[in-house]
């Protein structure tokens, strides 16, 4: 990570520079490998001590600013703000990644062959729900699993396209594939 510390209307002392660099480097533990560049600007206007930080990553840019009466406390408060932002960005990236590779849970509804009449004389249909393993499978593995089972169809997540597919037995030697868009 490249860290640049500059001063506006103030000469940045070596201790201020090292303090800011040390705090920025600690942000790396919240988002390892995500931060590429960090630019810290320290500014003094009368009795106000301003610190601005711009963090640049591959897919994001964060700009934060803090103003207090002390430069070091401005840095500390700003770092805590940046920690929260980086955590949320990291969570978003992880959640987005999980969506594309997570195992989906599929619910299968099977309608019975016969209809039943209740005490009021109305026809009711009972729906049986079954949770299926949504572990991604390749088409060949899904076909083998279908042939081993007693079922006439199999719902699965295609490992190549990451979409829900259904394969069904047409005859003993023919199998149909239904792909979702």
C-alpha atoms as a PDB file:
ATOM      1  CA  UNK A   1       0.000   0.000   0.000  1.00  0.00           C
ATOM      2  CA  UNK A   2       1.328   3.427  -0.989  1.00  0.00           C
ATOM      3  CA  UNK A   3       0.791   6.069   1.733  1.00  0.00           C
ATOM      4  CA  UNK A   4       1.291   9.782   1.047  1.00  0.00           C
ATOM      5  CA  UNK A   5       1.089  12.376   3.831  1.00  0.00           C
ATOM      6  CA  UNK A   6       0.971  16.066   2.907  1.00  0.00           C
ATOM      7  CA  UNK A   7       0.289  19.284   4.783  1.00  0.00           C
ATOM      8  CA  UNK A   8      -1.760  22.300   3.810  1.00  0.00           C
ATOM      9  CA  UNK A   9      -0.999  25.488   5.730  1.00  0.00           C
ATOM     10  CA  UNK A  10       1.076  23.396   8.134  1.00  0.00           C
ATOM     11  CA  UNK A  11       4.466  21.779   8.054  1.00  0.00           C
ATOM     12  CA  UNK A  12       3.970  18.102   8.836  1.00  0.00           C
ATOM     13  CA  UNK A  13       6.390  16.940  11.509  1.00  0.00           C
ATOM     14  CA  UNK A  14       8.010  13.526  11.309  1.00  0.00           C
ATOM     15  CA  UNK A  15       6.049  12.319  14.358  1.00  0.00           C
ATOM     16  CA  UNK A  16       2.726  13.400  12.750  1.00  0.00           C
ATOM     17  CA  UNK A  17       3.724  11.690   9.500  1.00  0.00           C
ATOM     18  CA  UNK A  18       4.685   8.441  11.264  1.00  0.00           C
ATOM     19  CA  UNK A  19       1.528   8.496  13.424  1.00  0.00           C
ATOM     20  CA  UNK A  20      -0.700   8.881  10.368  1.00  0.00           C
ATOM     21  CA  UNK A  21       1.169   6.179   8.424  1.00  0.00           C
ATOM     22  CA  UNK A  22       0.982   3.786  11.373  1.00  0.00           C
ATOM     23  CA  UNK A  23      -2.771   4.289  11.728  1.00  0.00           C
ATOM     24  CA  UNK A  24      -3.400   3.907   7.993  1.00  0.00           C
ATOM     25  CA  UNK A  25      -1.346   0.704   7.895  1.00  0.00           C
ATOM     26  CA  UNK A  26      -3.532  -0.722  10.679  1.00  0.00           C
ATOM     27  CA  UNK A  27      -6.522  -0.336   8.331  1.00  0.00           C
ATOM     28  CA  UNK A  28      -4.966  -3.033   6.185  1.00  0.00           C
ATOM     29  CA  UNK A  29      -6.055  -5.685   8.712  1.00  0.00           C
ATOM     30  CA  UNK A  30      -9.729  -4.787   8.133  1.00  0.00           C
ATOM     31  CA  UNK A  31      -9.430  -5.184   4.392  1.00  0.00           C
ATOM     32  CA  UNK A  32      -6.270  -7.122   3.549  1.00  0.00           C
ATOM     33  CA  UNK A  33      -5.155  -6.532  -0.010  1.00  0.00           C
ATOM     34  CA  UNK A  34      -8.031  -4.174  -0.873  1.00  0.00           C
ATOM     35  CA  UNK A  35      -6.345  -0.807  -0.276  1.00  0.00           C
ATOM     36  CA  UNK A  36      -3.926   0.192  -3.016  1.00  0.00           C
ATOM     37  CA  UNK A  37      -3.262   3.851  -2.269  1.00  0.00           C
ATOM     38  CA  UNK A  38      -3.826   6.160   0.712  1.00  0.00           C
ATOM     39  CA  UNK A  39      -3.472   9.936   0.676  1.00  0.00           C
ATOM     40  CA  UNK A  40      -3.547  11.890   3.957  1.00  0.00           C
ATOM     41  CA  UNK A  41      -3.894  15.690   3.939  1.00  0.00           C
ATOM     42  CA  UNK A  42      -3.376  17.595   7.186  1.00  0.00           C
ATOM     43  CA  UNK A  43      -4.677  21.158   7.323  1.00  0.00           C
ATOM     44  CA  UNK A  44      -4.758  23.908   9.965  1.00  0.00           C
ATOM     45  CA  UNK A  45      -7.290  26.758   9.863  1.00  0.00           C
ATOM     46  CA  UNK A  46      -7.043  29.015  12.931  1.00  0.00           C
ATOM     47  CA  UNK A  47      -7.820  26.632  15.828  1.00  0.00           C
ATOM     48  CA  UNK A  48      -9.220  23.831  13.684  1.00  0.00           C
ATOM     49  CA  UNK A  49      -7.081  20.811  12.882  1.00  0.00           C
ATOM     50  CA  UNK A  50      -8.412  19.070   9.760  1.00  0.00           C
ATOM     51  CA  UNK A  51      -7.425  15.673   8.436  1.00  0.00           C
ATOM     52  CA  UNK A  52      -8.629  14.283   5.108  1.00  0.00           C
ATOM     53  CA  UNK A  53      -7.953  10.760   3.914  1.00  0.00           C
ATOM     54  CA  UNK A  54      -8.603   9.256   0.512  1.00  0.00           C
ATOM     55  CA  UNK A  55      -8.302   5.471   0.226  1.00  0.00           C
ATOM     56  CA  UNK A  56      -8.259   3.945  -3.225  1.00  0.00           C
ATOM     57  CA  UNK A  57      -8.845   0.292  -3.936  1.00  0.00           C
ATOM     58  CA  UNK A  58      -9.493  -1.810  -7.000  1.00  0.00           C
ATOM     59  CA  UNK A  59     -13.243  -1.286  -6.847  1.00  0.00           C
ATOM     60  CA  UNK A  60     -13.748   1.618  -4.458  1.00  0.00           C
ATOM     61  CA  UNK A  61     -12.601   5.053  -3.332  1.00  0.00           C
ATOM     62  CA  UNK A  62     -13.294   6.308   0.188  1.00  0.00           C
ATOM     63  CA  UNK A  63     -12.917   9.957   1.131  1.00  0.00           C
ATOM     64  CA  UNK A  64     -13.306  10.995   4.757  1.00  0.00           C
ATOM     65  CA  UNK A  65     -12.679  14.230   6.641  1.00  0.00           C
ATOM     66  CA  UNK A  66     -12.469  15.076  10.349  1.00  0.00           C
ATOM     67  CA  UNK A  67     -12.001  18.347  12.207  1.00  0.00           C
ATOM     68  CA  UNK A  68     -11.073  18.777  15.903  1.00  0.00           C
ATOM     69  CA  UNK A  69      -8.820  20.964  18.020  1.00  0.00           C
ATOM     70  CA  UNK A  70      -5.959  18.420  17.950  1.00  0.00           C
ATOM     71  CA  UNK A  71      -4.365  16.808  14.886  1.00  0.00           C
ATOM     72  CA  UNK A  72      -3.812  13.442  16.605  1.00  0.00           C
ATOM     73  CA  UNK A  73      -7.414  13.156  17.815  1.00  0.00           C
ATOM     74  CA  UNK A  74      -8.596  14.118  14.306  1.00  0.00           C
ATOM     75  CA  UNK A  75      -6.550  11.227  12.938  1.00  0.00           C
ATOM     76  CA  UNK A  76      -7.932   8.807  15.555  1.00  0.00           C
ATOM     77  CA  UNK A  77     -11.564   9.738  14.925  1.00  0.00           C
ATOM     78  CA  UNK A  78     -11.048   9.594  11.180  1.00  0.00           C
ATOM     79  CA  UNK A  79      -9.449   6.145  11.385  1.00  0.00           C
ATOM     80  CA  UNK A  80     -12.449   4.783  13.319  1.00  0.00           C
ATOM     81  CA  UNK A  81     -14.763   6.152  10.584  1.00  0.00           C
ATOM     82  CA  UNK A  82     -12.625   4.513   7.909  1.00  0.00           C
ATOM     83  CA  UNK A  83     -12.636   1.188   9.801  1.00  0.00           C
ATOM     84  CA  UNK A  84     -16.431   1.129   9.711  1.00  0.00           C
ATOM     85  CA  UNK A  85     -16.497   1.969   6.007  1.00  0.00           C
ATOM     86  CA  UNK A  86     -13.903  -0.674   5.165  1.00  0.00           C
ATOM     87  CA  UNK A  87     -15.795  -3.319   7.142  1.00  0.00           C
ATOM     88  CA  UNK A  88     -18.977  -2.545   5.230  1.00  0.00           C
ATOM     89  CA  UNK A  89     -17.159  -2.632   1.890  1.00  0.00           C
ATOM     90  CA  UNK A  90     -15.493  -5.927   2.818  1.00  0.00           C
ATOM     91  CA  UNK A  91     -18.862  -7.405   3.854  1.00  0.00           C
ATOM     92  CA  UNK A  92     -20.460  -6.267   0.606  1.00  0.00           C
ATOM     93  CA  UNK A  93     -17.656  -7.837  -1.399  1.00  0.00           C
ATOM     94  CA  UNK A  94     -17.876 -11.086   0.590  1.00  0.00           C
ATOM     95  CA  UNK A  95     -21.673 -11.229   0.346  1.00  0.00           C
ATOM     96  CA  UNK A  96     -21.528 -10.571  -3.384  1.00  0.00           C
ATOM     97  CA  UNK A  97     -18.953 -13.323  -3.750  1.00  0.00           C
ATOM     98  CA  UNK A  98     -21.001 -15.740  -1.633  1.00  0.00           C
ATOM     99  CA  UNK A  99     -24.063 -15.171  -3.794  1.00  0.00           C
ATOM    100  CA  UNK A 100     -22.244 -16.476  -6.818  1.00  0.00           C
ATOM    101  CA  UNK A 101     -20.782 -19.575  -5.137  1.00  0.00           C
ATOM    102  CA  UNK A 102     -23.053 -20.422  -2.234  1.00  0.00           C
ATOM    103  CA  UNK A 103     -25.033 -23.582  -2.171  1.00  0.00           C
ATOM    104  CA  UNK A 104     -28.621 -22.769  -2.988  1.00  0.00           C
ATOM    105  CA  UNK A 105     -31.480 -24.290  -1.053  1.00  0.00           C
ATOM    106  CA  UNK A 106     -34.231 -25.517  -3.320  1.00  0.00           C
ATOM    107  CA  UNK A 107     -37.740 -26.433  -2.209  1.00  0.00           C
ATOM    108  CA  UNK A 108     -39.605 -29.023  -4.243  1.00  0.00           C
ATOM    109  CA  UNK A 109     -43.405 -29.128  -4.196  1.00  0.00           C
ATOM    110  CA  UNK A 110     -44.920 -32.472  -5.106  1.00  0.00           C
ATOM    111  CA  UNK A 111     -48.649 -32.676  -5.794  1.00  0.00           C
ATOM    112  CA  UNK A 112     -50.341 -35.988  -4.949  1.00  0.00           C
ATOM    113  CA  UNK A 113     -52.044 -38.068  -7.599  1.00  0.00           C
ATOM    114  CA  UNK A 114     -55.414 -38.144  -5.866  1.00  0.00           C
ATOM    115  CA  UNK A 115     -57.504 -35.290  -4.527  1.00  0.00           C
ATOM    116  CA  UNK A 116     -59.224 -35.570  -1.157  1.00  0.00           C
ATOM    117  CA  UNK A 117     -62.517 -34.133  -0.027  1.00  0.00           C
ATOM    118  CA  UNK A 118     -62.682 -32.529   3.398  1.00  0.00           C
ATOM    119  CA  UNK A 119     -65.628 -32.588   5.803  1.00  0.00           C
ATOM    120  CA  UNK A 120     -67.249 -29.604   4.020  1.00  0.00           C
ATOM    121  CA  UNK A 121     -67.225 -31.505   0.728  1.00  0.00           C
ATOM    122  CA  UNK A 122     -64.568 -29.299  -0.894  1.00  0.00           C
ATOM    123  CA  UNK A 123     -61.690 -30.794  -2.807  1.00  0.00           C
ATOM    124  CA  UNK A 124     -58.307 -30.182  -1.187  1.00  0.00           C
ATOM    125  CA  UNK A 125     -54.859 -30.838  -2.481  1.00  0.00           C
ATOM    126  CA  UNK A 126     -52.051 -31.610  -0.074  1.00  0.00           C
ATOM    127  CA  UNK A 127     -48.650 -30.211  -0.962  1.00  0.00           C
ATOM    128  CA  UNK A 128     -45.580 -32.035   0.235  1.00  0.00           C
ATOM    129  CA  UNK A 129     -42.454 -29.862   0.591  1.00  0.00           C
ATOM    130  CA  UNK A 130     -38.996 -31.291   0.470  1.00  0.00           C
ATOM    131  CA  UNK A 131     -35.684 -29.474   0.833  1.00  0.00           C
ATOM    132  CA  UNK A 132     -33.088 -30.568  -1.654  1.00  0.00           C
ATOM    133  CA  UNK A 133     -29.346 -30.264  -1.450  1.00  0.00           C
ATOM    134  CA  UNK A 134     -28.465 -27.256  -3.612  1.00  0.00           C
ATOM    135  CA  UNK A 135     -24.787 -28.112  -3.892  1.00  0.00           C
ATOM    136  CA  UNK A 136     -23.507 -27.161  -7.350  1.00  0.00           C
ATOM    137  CA  UNK A 137     -23.122 -30.142  -9.669  1.00  0.00           C
ATOM    138  CA  UNK A 138     -21.799 -30.626 -13.150  1.00  0.00           C
ATOM    139  CA  UNK A 139     -24.359 -31.907 -15.651  1.00  0.00           C
ATOM    140  CA  UNK A 140     -22.678 -35.314 -15.925  1.00  0.00           C
ATOM    141  CA  UNK A 141     -22.733 -35.755 -12.114  1.00  0.00           C
ATOM    142  CA  UNK A 142     -26.390 -34.725 -11.978  1.00  0.00           C
ATOM    143  CA  UNK A 143     -27.271 -37.302 -14.662  1.00  0.00           C
ATOM    144  CA  UNK A 144     -25.501 -40.027 -12.669  1.00  0.00           C
ATOM    145  CA  UNK A 145     -27.333 -38.953  -9.513  1.00  0.00           C
ATOM    146  CA  UNK A 146     -30.678 -39.031 -11.369  1.00  0.00           C
ATOM    147  CA  UNK A 147     -29.985 -42.499 -12.743  1.00  0.00           C
ATOM    148  CA  UNK A 148     -29.136 -43.767  -9.237  1.00  0.00           C
ATOM    149  CA  UNK A 149     -32.303 -42.310  -7.703  1.00  0.00           C
ATOM    150  CA  UNK A 150     -35.882 -43.544  -8.032  1.00  0.00           C
ATOM    151  CA  UNK A 151     -37.105 -40.058  -8.918  1.00  0.00           C
ATOM    152  CA  UNK A 152     -38.089 -39.007 -12.419  1.00  0.00           C
ATOM    153  CA  UNK A 153     -36.407 -35.588 -12.155  1.00  0.00           C
ATOM    154  CA  UNK A 154     -33.614 -33.753 -10.314  1.00  0.00           C
ATOM    155  CA  UNK A 155     -33.302 -30.064  -9.465  1.00  0.00           C
ATOM    156  CA  UNK A 156     -29.703 -28.838  -9.083  1.00  0.00           C
ATOM    157  CA  UNK A 157     -27.434 -25.824  -9.409  1.00  0.00           C
ATOM    158  CA  UNK A 158     -25.231 -26.184 -12.477  1.00  0.00           C
ATOM    159  CA  UNK A 159     -21.587 -25.719 -11.416  1.00  0.00           C
ATOM    160  CA  UNK A 160     -20.617 -24.369 -14.855  1.00  0.00           C
ATOM    161  CA  UNK A 161     -23.358 -21.736 -15.243  1.00  0.00           C
ATOM    162  CA  UNK A 162     -24.260 -21.295 -11.535  1.00  0.00           C
ATOM    163  CA  UNK A 163     -27.967 -21.450 -12.485  1.00  0.00           C
ATOM    164  CA  UNK A 164     -30.750 -23.738 -11.382  1.00  0.00           C
ATOM    165  CA  UNK A 165     -31.336 -26.618 -13.796  1.00  0.00           C
ATOM    166  CA  UNK A 166     -33.818 -29.473 -13.876  1.00  0.00           C
ATOM    167  CA  UNK A 167     -33.124 -32.786 -15.558  1.00  0.00           C
ATOM    168  CA  UNK A 168     -35.914 -35.301 -16.086  1.00  0.00           C
ATOM    169  CA  UNK A 169     -36.274 -38.787 -17.475  1.00  0.00           C
ATOM    170  CA  UNK A 170     -38.178 -38.827 -20.746  1.00  0.00           C
ATOM    171  CA  UNK A 171     -37.640 -42.524 -21.297  1.00  0.00           C
ATOM    172  CA  UNK A 172     -35.107 -44.942 -19.806  1.00  0.00           C
ATOM    173  CA  UNK A 173     -32.561 -43.894 -22.427  1.00  0.00           C
ATOM    174  CA  UNK A 174     -33.481 -40.206 -22.826  1.00  0.00           C
ATOM    175  CA  UNK A 175     -32.983 -37.365 -20.360  1.00  0.00           C
ATOM    176  CA  UNK A 176     -34.233 -33.795 -20.788  1.00  0.00           C
ATOM    177  CA  UNK A 177     -32.557 -30.685 -19.405  1.00  0.00           C
ATOM    178  CA  UNK A 178     -34.359 -27.497 -18.395  1.00  0.00           C
ATOM    179  CA  UNK A 179     -32.164 -24.449 -17.777  1.00  0.00           C
ATOM    180  CA  UNK A 180     -33.327 -21.293 -16.030  1.00  0.00           C
ATOM    181  CA  UNK A 181     -32.443 -17.935 -17.580  1.00  0.00           C
END
